[in-house]
Amino acid sequence: MEDKDIDLFGHMNYLRYIDYLEAARSDWFAKAGMPFDRMTELKIGIVILKFEMHYIGEAVLGDELTIETIPVKLGTKSFTFKQKIY
């Protein structure tokens, strides 16, 4: 986490959480053998239909964050991930 991630109250700005979650999803796809450049090549796109976030506590400057990305549902045309930030 960097200074630019912090809002006026000393907490991580909510938009930065979204950026970190997106980076973790990209990492998950790459580790699963389907990096985004390969998806682009195969004309596979991802659309976020629903994004829901529940805050239990705030992140502050100096915190080290770990993101867990878990696929929880696989359909024929869609899938669902659950992500947790520790």
C-alpha atoms as a PDB file:
ATOM      1  CA  MET A   1       0.000   0.000   0.000  1.00  0.00           C
ATOM      2  CA  GLU A   2       1.279   3.439  -0.894  1.00  0.00           C
ATOM      3  CA  ASP A   3       0.550   7.024   0.216  1.00  0.00           C
ATOM      4  CA  LYS A   4      -1.621   7.564  -2.871  1.00  0.00           C
ATOM      5  CA  ASP A   5      -3.930   4.760  -1.665  1.00  0.00           C
ATOM      6  CA  ILE A   6      -4.893   6.653   1.501  1.00  0.00           C
ATOM      7  CA  ASP A   7      -7.825   9.061   1.862  1.00  0.00           C
ATOM      8  CA  LEU A   8      -8.008  12.190   4.034  1.00  0.00           C
ATOM      9  CA  PHE A   9      -9.003  10.118   7.078  1.00  0.00           C
ATOM     10  CA  GLY A  10      -5.937   7.841   6.860  1.00  0.00           C
ATOM     11  CA  HIS A  11      -7.838   4.839   5.477  1.00  0.00           C
ATOM     12  CA  MET A  12      -7.338   3.130   2.153  1.00  0.00           C
ATOM     13  CA  ASN A  13      -9.591   4.694  -0.488  1.00  0.00           C
ATOM     14  CA  TYR A  14     -12.393   2.360  -1.606  1.00  0.00           C
ATOM     15  CA  LEU A  15     -11.333   2.595  -5.272  1.00  0.00           C
ATOM     16  CA  ARG A  16      -7.939   1.171  -4.388  1.00  0.00           C
ATOM     17  CA  TYR A  17      -9.615  -1.926  -2.884  1.00  0.00           C
ATOM     18  CA  ILE A  18     -11.247  -2.476  -6.275  1.00  0.00           C
ATOM     19  CA  ASP A  19      -7.886  -2.054  -8.044  1.00  0.00           C
ATOM     20  CA  TYR A  20      -6.231  -4.572  -5.722  1.00  0.00           C
ATOM     21  CA  LEU A  21      -9.085  -7.070  -6.175  1.00  0.00           C
ATOM     22  CA  GLU A  22      -8.838  -6.747  -9.957  1.00  0.00           C
ATOM     23  CA  ALA A  23      -5.080  -7.367  -9.835  1.00  0.00           C
ATOM     24  CA  ALA A  24      -5.688 -10.465  -7.683  1.00  0.00           C
ATOM     25  CA  ARG A  25      -8.215 -11.802 -10.224  1.00  0.00           C
ATOM     26  CA  SER A  26      -5.702 -11.254 -13.021  1.00  0.00           C
ATOM     27  CA  ASP A  27      -3.110 -13.132 -10.998  1.00  0.00           C
ATOM     28  CA  TRP A  28      -5.584 -15.983 -10.384  1.00  0.00           C
ATOM     29  CA  PHE A  29      -6.319 -16.316 -14.119  1.00  0.00           C
ATOM     30  CA  ALA A  30      -2.594 -16.271 -14.958  1.00  0.00           C
ATOM     31  CA  LYS A  31      -1.869 -19.005 -12.385  1.00  0.00           C
ATOM     32  CA  ALA A  32      -4.790 -21.013 -13.825  1.00  0.00           C
ATOM     33  CA  GLY A  33      -3.072 -20.874 -17.228  1.00  0.00           C
ATOM     34  CA  MET A  34      -5.241 -18.180 -18.796  1.00  0.00           C
ATOM     35  CA  PRO A  35      -3.515 -14.782 -18.534  1.00  0.00           C
ATOM     36  CA  PHE A  36      -5.478 -11.822 -19.887  1.00  0.00           C
ATOM     37  CA  ASP A  37      -3.299 -11.495 -22.997  1.00  0.00           C
ATOM     38  CA  ARG A  38      -4.250 -15.088 -23.903  1.00  0.00           C
ATOM     39  CA  MET A  39      -7.928 -14.315 -23.220  1.00  0.00           C
ATOM     40  CA  THR A  40      -7.679 -11.344 -25.565  1.00  0.00           C
ATOM     41  CA  GLU A  41      -6.085 -13.529 -28.212  1.00  0.00           C
ATOM     42  CA  LEU A  42      -8.957 -16.045 -27.877  1.00  0.00           C
ATOM     43  CA  LYS A  43     -11.544 -13.217 -27.764  1.00  0.00           C
ATOM     44  CA  ILE A  44     -12.688 -14.219 -24.285  1.00  0.00           C
ATOM     45  CA  GLY A  45     -14.010 -11.295 -22.317  1.00  0.00           C
ATOM     46  CA  ILE A  46     -15.020 -10.845 -18.714  1.00  0.00           C
ATOM     47  CA  VAL A  47     -17.854  -8.573 -17.624  1.00  0.00           C
ATOM     48  CA  ILE A  48     -18.432  -7.818 -13.962  1.00  0.00           C
ATOM     49  CA  LEU A  49     -22.207  -8.014 -13.506  1.00  0.00           C
ATOM     50  CA  LYS A  50     -22.290  -7.606  -9.750  1.00  0.00           C
ATOM     51  CA  PHE A  51     -19.733  -6.281  -7.311  1.00  0.00           C
ATOM     52  CA  GLU A  52     -20.492  -6.313  -3.625  1.00  0.00           C
ATOM     53  CA  MET A  53     -18.166  -5.335  -0.821  1.00  0.00           C
ATOM     54  CA  HIS A  54     -18.560  -5.671   2.935  1.00  0.00           C
ATOM     55  CA  TYR A  55     -16.085  -3.858   5.158  1.00  0.00           C
ATOM     56  CA  ILE A  56     -15.146  -5.405   8.494  1.00  0.00           C
ATOM     57  CA  GLY A  57     -12.263  -3.048   9.236  1.00  0.00           C
ATOM     58  CA  GLU A  58     -10.221  -0.401   7.509  1.00  0.00           C
ATOM     59  CA  ALA A  59      -6.789  -0.721   5.979  1.00  0.00           C
ATOM     60  CA  VAL A  60      -4.303   1.999   6.887  1.00  0.00           C
ATOM     61  CA  LEU A  61      -0.897   3.037   5.608  1.00  0.00           C
ATOM     62  CA  GLY A  62       1.679   0.401   6.482  1.00  0.00           C
ATOM     63  CA  ASP A  63      -0.753  -2.540   6.451  1.00  0.00           C
ATOM     64  CA  GLU A  64       0.270  -5.521   4.365  1.00  0.00           C
ATOM     65  CA  LEU A  65      -2.741  -6.901   2.514  1.00  0.00           C
ATOM     66  CA  THR A  66      -3.273 -10.461   1.326  1.00  0.00           C
ATOM     67  CA  ILE A  67      -6.064 -11.226  -1.130  1.00  0.00           C
ATOM     68  CA  GLU A  68      -7.652 -14.650  -1.419  1.00  0.00           C
ATOM     69  CA  THR A  69      -9.490 -15.355  -4.700  1.00  0.00           C
ATOM     70  CA  ILE A  70     -11.817 -18.359  -4.731  1.00  0.00           C
ATOM     71  CA  PRO A  71     -14.037 -19.533  -7.591  1.00  0.00           C
ATOM     72  CA  VAL A  72     -17.358 -20.510  -5.989  1.00  0.00           C
ATOM     73  CA  LYS A  73     -19.701 -21.130  -8.914  1.00  0.00           C
ATOM     74  CA  LEU A  74     -19.156 -22.198 -12.517  1.00  0.00           C
ATOM     75  CA  GLY A  75     -22.022 -22.029 -14.984  1.00  0.00           C
ATOM     76  CA  THR A  76     -22.174 -22.511 -18.737  1.00  0.00           C
ATOM     77  CA  LYS A  77     -21.830 -18.776 -19.459  1.00  0.00           C
ATOM     78  CA  SER A  78     -20.865 -17.268 -16.137  1.00  0.00           C
ATOM     79  CA  PHE A  79     -18.853 -17.819 -12.998  1.00  0.00           C
ATOM     80  CA  THR A  80     -18.635 -16.338  -9.531  1.00  0.00           C
ATOM     81  CA  PHE A  81     -15.554 -15.466  -7.518  1.00  0.00           C
ATOM     82  CA  LYS A  82     -15.371 -14.693  -3.823  1.00  0.00           C
ATOM     83  CA  GLN A  83     -12.442 -12.563  -2.759  1.00  0.00           C
ATOM     84  CA  LYS A  84     -11.290 -11.758   0.749  1.00  0.00           C
ATOM     85  CA  ILE A  85      -8.738  -9.164   1.777  1.00  0.00           C
ATOM     86  CA  TYR A  86      -6.768  -9.837   4.937  1.00  0.00           C
END
